[in-house]
């Protein structure tokens, strides 16, 4: 995970020292998970010490260890959707390679995703997954030259698709990524594709 890939909460550039501190804290948590520790057994003091930083510095960047997990998950999802090609966003979604594209790019972070999926509460994936899908919906609207989605339609789609997407990733990771992205995507898009297409086509 590169320091420049950590996402800030505002559009303003983030100081490199802040990025380095966040990276160290994220990396320290991942190292603890790699050693077999579950998130609920870890403490802020443990992560701060492993990163070479203080508890005060930790709380300058994160409210809790849950926030660190959320940041790591957000980084993985953001990297994956940012690499999805516009061609994969053409309607109908059910017939596109959108699911394969997302899961293929997520597979680049396979080790990190597996750690978060097996060592942390699954709910911590929900918000980052929903935010990533919301951004992808905006791109789908733009690529297909659709009018902006009504606010409630956008919110429902982002949360429902985001939840299903998170569930598919969790199941895939817990199965040790035995299925290739095409097979995992087929299950996901068979369930989500037709309904998503119906709603988006109604916006034309």
C-alpha atoms as a PDB file:
ATOM      1  CA  UNK A   1       0.000   0.000   0.000  1.00  0.00           C
ATOM      2  CA  UNK A   2       1.566   3.241  -1.125  1.00  0.00           C
ATOM      3  CA  UNK A   3       1.263   6.301   1.077  1.00  0.00           C
ATOM      4  CA  UNK A   4      -0.103   8.370  -1.784  1.00  0.00           C
ATOM      5  CA  UNK A   5      -3.032   5.974  -2.098  1.00  0.00           C
ATOM      6  CA  UNK A   6      -4.447   6.739   1.321  1.00  0.00           C
ATOM      7  CA  UNK A   7      -7.602   8.730   0.913  1.00  0.00           C
ATOM      8  CA  UNK A   8      -8.129  12.006   2.740  1.00  0.00           C
ATOM      9  CA  UNK A   9     -11.456  13.322   3.907  1.00  0.00           C
ATOM     10  CA  UNK A  10     -11.195  16.604   1.992  1.00  0.00           C
ATOM     11  CA  UNK A  11     -10.114  17.718  -1.458  1.00  0.00           C
ATOM     12  CA  UNK A  12      -7.124  19.582  -0.012  1.00  0.00           C
ATOM     13  CA  UNK A  13      -3.705  17.918  -0.478  1.00  0.00           C
ATOM     14  CA  UNK A  14      -2.608  16.055   2.639  1.00  0.00           C
ATOM     15  CA  UNK A  15       0.795  16.712   4.184  1.00  0.00           C
ATOM     16  CA  UNK A  16       3.267  13.900   3.453  1.00  0.00           C
ATOM     17  CA  UNK A  17       3.958  13.458   7.164  1.00  0.00           C
ATOM     18  CA  UNK A  18       0.270  12.833   7.763  1.00  0.00           C
ATOM     19  CA  UNK A  19       0.156  10.312   4.919  1.00  0.00           C
ATOM     20  CA  UNK A  20       3.237   8.528   6.294  1.00  0.00           C
ATOM     21  CA  UNK A  21       1.714   8.314   9.773  1.00  0.00           C
ATOM     22  CA  UNK A  22      -1.562   6.934   8.409  1.00  0.00           C
ATOM     23  CA  UNK A  23       0.316   4.444   6.281  1.00  0.00           C
ATOM     24  CA  UNK A  24       2.348   3.253   9.258  1.00  0.00           C
ATOM     25  CA  UNK A  25      -0.772   2.757  11.360  1.00  0.00           C
ATOM     26  CA  UNK A  26      -2.590   0.881   8.581  1.00  0.00           C
ATOM     27  CA  UNK A  27       0.449  -1.289   7.949  1.00  0.00           C
ATOM     28  CA  UNK A  28       0.871  -2.024  11.659  1.00  0.00           C
ATOM     29  CA  UNK A  29      -2.724  -3.222  11.908  1.00  0.00           C
ATOM     30  CA  UNK A  30      -2.334  -5.421   8.827  1.00  0.00           C
ATOM     31  CA  UNK A  31       0.828  -6.960  10.282  1.00  0.00           C
ATOM     32  CA  UNK A  32      -1.028  -7.850  13.477  1.00  0.00           C
ATOM     33  CA  UNK A  33      -3.801  -9.446  11.432  1.00  0.00           C
ATOM     34  CA  UNK A  34      -1.229 -11.409   9.421  1.00  0.00           C
ATOM     35  CA  UNK A  35       0.063 -12.852  12.673  1.00  0.00           C
ATOM     36  CA  UNK A  36      -3.396 -14.263  13.350  1.00  0.00           C
ATOM     37  CA  UNK A  37      -4.785 -11.667  15.750  1.00  0.00           C
ATOM     38  CA  UNK A  38      -8.443 -10.784  15.322  1.00  0.00           C
ATOM     39  CA  UNK A  39      -9.356  -7.115  15.386  1.00  0.00           C
ATOM     40  CA  UNK A  40     -11.301  -7.351  18.647  1.00  0.00           C
ATOM     41  CA  UNK A  41      -8.180  -8.612  20.468  1.00  0.00           C
ATOM     42  CA  UNK A  42      -6.070  -5.630  19.423  1.00  0.00           C
ATOM     43  CA  UNK A  43      -5.701  -2.268  21.128  1.00  0.00           C
ATOM     44  CA  UNK A  44      -4.778   1.228  20.028  1.00  0.00           C
ATOM     45  CA  UNK A  45      -1.660   0.978  22.226  1.00  0.00           C
ATOM     46  CA  UNK A  46      -0.546  -2.185  20.384  1.00  0.00           C
ATOM     47  CA  UNK A  47      -0.987  -0.653  16.942  1.00  0.00           C
ATOM     48  CA  UNK A  48       0.622   2.654  17.927  1.00  0.00           C
ATOM     49  CA  UNK A  49       3.640   0.885  19.427  1.00  0.00           C
ATOM     50  CA  UNK A  50       4.059  -1.396  16.417  1.00  0.00           C
ATOM     51  CA  UNK A  51       3.966   1.594  14.074  1.00  0.00           C
ATOM     52  CA  UNK A  52       6.534   3.486  16.151  1.00  0.00           C
ATOM     53  CA  UNK A  53       4.018   6.206  16.946  1.00  0.00           C
ATOM     54  CA  UNK A  54       2.205   7.303  20.097  1.00  0.00           C
ATOM     55  CA  UNK A  55      -1.428   6.881  21.128  1.00  0.00           C
ATOM     56  CA  UNK A  56      -1.774  10.652  20.800  1.00  0.00           C
ATOM     57  CA  UNK A  57      -0.610  10.456  17.183  1.00  0.00           C
ATOM     58  CA  UNK A  58      -3.004   7.574  16.522  1.00  0.00           C
ATOM     59  CA  UNK A  59      -5.965   9.618  17.747  1.00  0.00           C
ATOM     60  CA  UNK A  60      -4.834  12.566  15.648  1.00  0.00           C
ATOM     61  CA  UNK A  61      -5.597  10.440  12.580  1.00  0.00           C
ATOM     62  CA  UNK A  62      -8.236   7.866  13.583  1.00  0.00           C
ATOM     63  CA  UNK A  63     -11.011   7.645  16.153  1.00  0.00           C
ATOM     64  CA  UNK A  64     -10.675   3.880  16.592  1.00  0.00           C
ATOM     65  CA  UNK A  65      -9.242   0.688  15.146  1.00  0.00           C
ATOM     66  CA  UNK A  66     -12.535   0.302  13.258  1.00  0.00           C
ATOM     67  CA  UNK A  67     -11.666   3.534  11.440  1.00  0.00           C
ATOM     68  CA  UNK A  68      -8.291   2.087  10.428  1.00  0.00           C
ATOM     69  CA  UNK A  69      -9.996  -0.996   8.977  1.00  0.00           C
ATOM     70  CA  UNK A  70     -12.471   1.243   7.167  1.00  0.00           C
ATOM     71  CA  UNK A  71      -9.603   3.253   5.692  1.00  0.00           C
ATOM     72  CA  UNK A  72      -7.794   0.146   4.480  1.00  0.00           C
ATOM     73  CA  UNK A  73     -10.996  -1.246   2.938  1.00  0.00           C
ATOM     74  CA  UNK A  74     -11.760   2.109   1.314  1.00  0.00           C
ATOM     75  CA  UNK A  75      -8.268   2.201  -0.218  1.00  0.00           C
ATOM     76  CA  UNK A  76      -8.740  -1.261  -1.746  1.00  0.00           C
ATOM     77  CA  UNK A  77     -12.215  -0.507  -3.123  1.00  0.00           C
ATOM     78  CA  UNK A  78     -11.161   2.891  -4.463  1.00  0.00           C
ATOM     79  CA  UNK A  79      -8.141   1.426  -6.248  1.00  0.00           C
ATOM     80  CA  UNK A  80     -10.330  -1.276  -7.808  1.00  0.00           C
ATOM     81  CA  UNK A  81     -13.104   0.980  -9.109  1.00  0.00           C
ATOM     82  CA  UNK A  82     -10.658   3.631 -10.337  1.00  0.00           C
ATOM     83  CA  UNK A  83      -9.214   1.006 -12.705  1.00  0.00           C
ATOM     84  CA  UNK A  84     -12.568  -0.060 -14.155  1.00  0.00           C
ATOM     85  CA  UNK A  85     -12.616   0.896 -17.832  1.00  0.00           C
ATOM     86  CA  UNK A  86     -15.451   3.031 -19.198  1.00  0.00           C
ATOM     87  CA  UNK A  87     -16.298   0.243 -21.670  1.00  0.00           C
ATOM     88  CA  UNK A  88     -17.297  -1.976 -18.738  1.00  0.00           C
ATOM     89  CA  UNK A  89     -19.859   0.629 -17.653  1.00  0.00           C
ATOM     90  CA  UNK A  90     -22.024   0.491 -20.784  1.00  0.00           C
ATOM     91  CA  UNK A  91     -25.612  -0.641 -20.320  1.00  0.00           C
ATOM     92  CA  UNK A  92     -26.972  -3.201 -19.927  1.00  0.00           C
ATOM     93  CA  UNK A  93     -24.988  -3.882 -16.775  1.00  0.00           C
ATOM     94  CA  UNK A  94     -26.134  -7.521 -16.740  1.00  0.00           C
ATOM     95  CA  UNK A  95     -24.345  -8.145 -20.055  1.00  0.00           C
ATOM     96  CA  UNK A  96     -21.225  -6.116 -19.268  1.00  0.00           C
ATOM     97  CA  UNK A  97     -17.892  -7.124 -17.796  1.00  0.00           C
ATOM     98  CA  UNK A  98     -18.345  -4.719 -14.903  1.00  0.00           C
ATOM     99  CA  UNK A  99     -18.389  -7.356 -12.169  1.00  0.00           C
ATOM    100  CA  UNK A 100     -15.382  -9.169 -13.631  1.00  0.00           C
ATOM    101  CA  UNK A 101     -13.465  -5.913 -13.929  1.00  0.00           C
ATOM    102  CA  UNK A 102     -14.103  -4.904 -10.308  1.00  0.00           C
ATOM    103  CA  UNK A 103     -13.257  -8.319  -8.870  1.00  0.00           C
ATOM    104  CA  UNK A 104     -10.179  -8.702 -11.068  1.00  0.00           C
ATOM    105  CA  UNK A 105      -8.784  -5.407  -9.794  1.00  0.00           C
ATOM    106  CA  UNK A 106      -9.727  -6.270  -6.203  1.00  0.00           C
ATOM    107  CA  UNK A 107      -7.757  -9.488  -6.605  1.00  0.00           C
ATOM    108  CA  UNK A 108      -4.629  -7.314  -6.767  1.00  0.00           C
ATOM    109  CA  UNK A 109      -5.272  -6.688  -3.031  1.00  0.00           C
ATOM    110  CA  UNK A 110      -6.158 -10.317  -2.369  1.00  0.00           C
ATOM    111  CA  UNK A 111      -4.048 -10.699   0.788  1.00  0.00           C
ATOM    112  CA  UNK A 112      -5.380  -7.499   2.362  1.00  0.00           C
ATOM    113  CA  UNK A 113      -9.001  -8.304   1.471  1.00  0.00           C
ATOM    114  CA  UNK A 114      -8.624 -11.808   2.918  1.00  0.00           C
ATOM    115  CA  UNK A 115      -7.273 -10.443   6.206  1.00  0.00           C
ATOM    116  CA  UNK A 116     -10.070  -7.910   6.572  1.00  0.00           C
ATOM    117  CA  UNK A 117     -12.741 -10.444   5.591  1.00  0.00           C
ATOM    118  CA  UNK A 118     -11.597 -13.143   7.996  1.00  0.00           C
ATOM    119  CA  UNK A 119     -10.144 -11.205  10.939  1.00  0.00           C
ATOM    120  CA  UNK A 120     -12.502  -8.191  11.203  1.00  0.00           C
ATOM    121  CA  UNK A 121     -16.276  -7.661  11.614  1.00  0.00           C
ATOM    122  CA  UNK A 122     -17.910  -7.722   8.188  1.00  0.00           C
ATOM    123  CA  UNK A 123     -19.921  -4.565   8.932  1.00  0.00           C
ATOM    124  CA  UNK A 124     -16.731  -2.528   8.619  1.00  0.00           C
ATOM    125  CA  UNK A 125     -16.790  -3.274   4.875  1.00  0.00           C
ATOM    126  CA  UNK A 126     -20.272  -1.877   4.336  1.00  0.00           C
ATOM    127  CA  UNK A 127     -19.680   1.870   4.276  1.00  0.00           C
ATOM    128  CA  UNK A 128     -16.526   1.770   2.083  1.00  0.00           C
ATOM    129  CA  UNK A 129     -18.259  -0.628  -0.331  1.00  0.00           C
ATOM    130  CA  UNK A 130     -21.334   1.624  -0.523  1.00  0.00           C
ATOM    131  CA  UNK A 131     -19.204   4.712  -1.154  1.00  0.00           C
ATOM    132  CA  UNK A 132     -17.275   2.967  -3.925  1.00  0.00           C
ATOM    133  CA  UNK A 133     -20.476   1.777  -5.614  1.00  0.00           C
ATOM    134  CA  UNK A 134     -22.008   5.267  -5.334  1.00  0.00           C
ATOM    135  CA  UNK A 135     -19.039   6.677  -7.258  1.00  0.00           C
ATOM    136  CA  UNK A 136     -19.336   3.910  -9.832  1.00  0.00           C
ATOM    137  CA  UNK A 137     -23.048   4.701 -10.298  1.00  0.00           C
ATOM    138  CA  UNK A 138     -22.156   8.309 -11.056  1.00  0.00           C
ATOM    139  CA  UNK A 139     -19.720   7.085 -13.710  1.00  0.00           C
ATOM    140  CA  UNK A 140     -22.329   4.738 -15.218  1.00  0.00           C
ATOM    141  CA  UNK A 141     -24.777   7.648 -15.493  1.00  0.00           C
ATOM    142  CA  UNK A 142     -22.133   9.810 -17.155  1.00  0.00           C
ATOM    143  CA  UNK A 143     -20.834   7.150 -19.572  1.00  0.00           C
ATOM    144  CA  UNK A 144     -24.365   6.242 -20.702  1.00  0.00           C
ATOM    145  CA  UNK A 145     -25.429   9.908 -20.886  1.00  0.00           C
ATOM    146  CA  UNK A 146     -28.336   9.350 -18.502  1.00  0.00           C
ATOM    147  CA  UNK A 147     -29.974  12.211 -16.606  1.00  0.00           C
ATOM    148  CA  UNK A 148     -28.870  12.400 -12.956  1.00  0.00           C
ATOM    149  CA  UNK A 149     -30.502   9.759 -10.795  1.00  0.00           C
ATOM    150  CA  UNK A 150     -33.175  10.877  -8.391  1.00  0.00           C
ATOM    151  CA  UNK A 151     -31.670  11.186  -4.929  1.00  0.00           C
ATOM    152  CA  UNK A 152     -33.625   8.319  -3.405  1.00  0.00           C
ATOM    153  CA  UNK A 153     -32.915   6.019  -6.383  1.00  0.00           C
ATOM    154  CA  UNK A 154     -29.192   6.780  -6.125  1.00  0.00           C
ATOM    155  CA  UNK A 155     -29.196   6.110  -2.374  1.00  0.00           C
ATOM    156  CA  UNK A 156     -31.116   2.833  -2.613  1.00  0.00           C
ATOM    157  CA  UNK A 157     -28.989   1.559  -5.478  1.00  0.00           C
ATOM    158  CA  UNK A 158     -25.715   2.490  -3.794  1.00  0.00           C
ATOM    159  CA  UNK A 159     -26.664   0.807  -0.530  1.00  0.00           C
ATOM    160  CA  UNK A 160     -28.291  -2.303  -2.006  1.00  0.00           C
ATOM    161  CA  UNK A 161     -25.652  -2.915  -4.666  1.00  0.00           C
ATOM    162  CA  UNK A 162     -22.894  -1.951  -2.232  1.00  0.00           C
ATOM    163  CA  UNK A 163     -24.198  -4.440   0.323  1.00  0.00           C
ATOM    164  CA  UNK A 164     -24.410  -7.247  -2.231  1.00  0.00           C
ATOM    165  CA  UNK A 165     -20.972  -6.359  -3.566  1.00  0.00           C
ATOM    166  CA  UNK A 166     -19.534  -6.468  -0.046  1.00  0.00           C
ATOM    167  CA  UNK A 167     -21.228  -9.811   0.597  1.00  0.00           C
ATOM    168  CA  UNK A 168     -19.820 -11.297  -2.599  1.00  0.00           C
ATOM    169  CA  UNK A 169     -16.306 -10.116  -1.759  1.00  0.00           C
ATOM    170  CA  UNK A 170     -16.597 -11.499   1.783  1.00  0.00           C
ATOM    171  CA  UNK A 171     -17.811 -14.893   0.533  1.00  0.00           C
ATOM    172  CA  UNK A 172     -15.098 -14.971  -2.144  1.00  0.00           C
ATOM    173  CA  UNK A 173     -12.373 -14.151   0.377  1.00  0.00           C
ATOM    174  CA  UNK A 174     -13.608 -16.629   2.991  1.00  0.00           C
ATOM    175  CA  UNK A 175     -13.590 -19.335   0.306  1.00  0.00           C
ATOM    176  CA  UNK A 176      -9.919 -18.569  -0.277  1.00  0.00           C
ATOM    177  CA  UNK A 177     -10.567 -16.987  -3.701  1.00  0.00           C
ATOM    178  CA  UNK A 178     -11.073 -20.482  -5.122  1.00  0.00           C
ATOM    179  CA  UNK A 179     -13.315 -19.157  -7.899  1.00  0.00           C
ATOM    180  CA  UNK A 180     -11.811 -16.965 -10.596  1.00  0.00           C
ATOM    181  CA  UNK A 181     -13.229 -13.418 -11.003  1.00  0.00           C
ATOM    182  CA  UNK A 182     -15.451 -14.569 -13.874  1.00  0.00           C
ATOM    183  CA  UNK A 183     -17.162 -17.271 -11.789  1.00  0.00           C
ATOM    184  CA  UNK A 184     -17.586 -15.033  -8.724  1.00  0.00           C
ATOM    185  CA  UNK A 185     -18.875 -12.199 -10.897  1.00  0.00           C
ATOM    186  CA  UNK A 186     -21.432 -14.431 -12.629  1.00  0.00           C
ATOM    187  CA  UNK A 187     -23.185 -15.096  -9.316  1.00  0.00           C
ATOM    188  CA  UNK A 188     -23.108 -11.422  -8.312  1.00  0.00           C
ATOM    189  CA  UNK A 189     -24.243  -9.965 -11.634  1.00  0.00           C
ATOM    190  CA  UNK A 190     -26.962 -12.583 -12.203  1.00  0.00           C
ATOM    191  CA  UNK A 191     -28.556 -11.350  -8.989  1.00  0.00           C
ATOM    192  CA  UNK A 192     -27.905  -7.633  -9.409  1.00  0.00           C
ATOM    193  CA  UNK A 193     -27.706  -6.963 -13.132  1.00  0.00           C
ATOM    194  CA  UNK A 194     -31.347  -7.161 -14.299  1.00  0.00           C
ATOM    195  CA  UNK A 195     -32.772  -5.075 -11.446  1.00  0.00           C
ATOM    196  CA  UNK A 196     -30.062  -2.431 -11.746  1.00  0.00           C
ATOM    197  CA  UNK A 197     -30.638  -2.239 -15.503  1.00  0.00           C
ATOM    198  CA  UNK A 198     -34.402  -1.816 -15.052  1.00  0.00           C
ATOM    199  CA  UNK A 199     -33.927   1.120 -12.689  1.00  0.00           C
ATOM    200  CA  UNK A 200     -31.274   2.801 -14.823  1.00  0.00           C
ATOM    201  CA  UNK A 201     -33.249   2.335 -18.041  1.00  0.00           C
ATOM    202  CA  UNK A 202     -36.217   4.069 -16.407  1.00  0.00           C
ATOM    203  CA  UNK A 203     -34.038   7.173 -16.114  1.00  0.00           C
ATOM    204  CA  UNK A 204     -33.750   7.535 -19.885  1.00  0.00           C
END
